[in-house]
Amino acid sequence: NISSGATELRMPAAPPRKPAAKKPAAKRQASPPPAPPPPRQIENPNKIAKWTGTCENTRIQFPFEPYECQLDFMSKTLEAVATKQTALLESPTGTGKTLCLLTATLAYSLPRSSELEK
């Protein structure tokens, strides 16, 4: 019911839609995947390390001159690995924690790889 004084508005019905004509799917040939880039040739692998030093009796090669906090981090990492202890190491963002951890553990494990496989 419509109360007095109100008017009812009705929208005209929409015209029926025609079904869209289906276009046949164009056959596309899959292009072959791009060729992988050639392996990078390193002229002299020793040039990668800009700094070589000893930390906890382990020879470490580092891609640049390490900061004091990085040397401390690598020292603590090597100490924990050598004594088979768990280490909780903290350092601010951007101080190279991942690089220090990888560099130190690889420097420790590579010369001992035959020993570690047993």
Foldseek 3Di string as FASTA:
>chain_A
DDDPPDDDDDDDDDDDDDDDDDDDDDDDDDDDDDDDDDDDDDPDPVQQFPDWDAAPNFIFGANHDADPVLSVLLNVLLVCVVVVHDDDDDDDPPRCNVRSNVRSVCSVCVVCVVVVVD
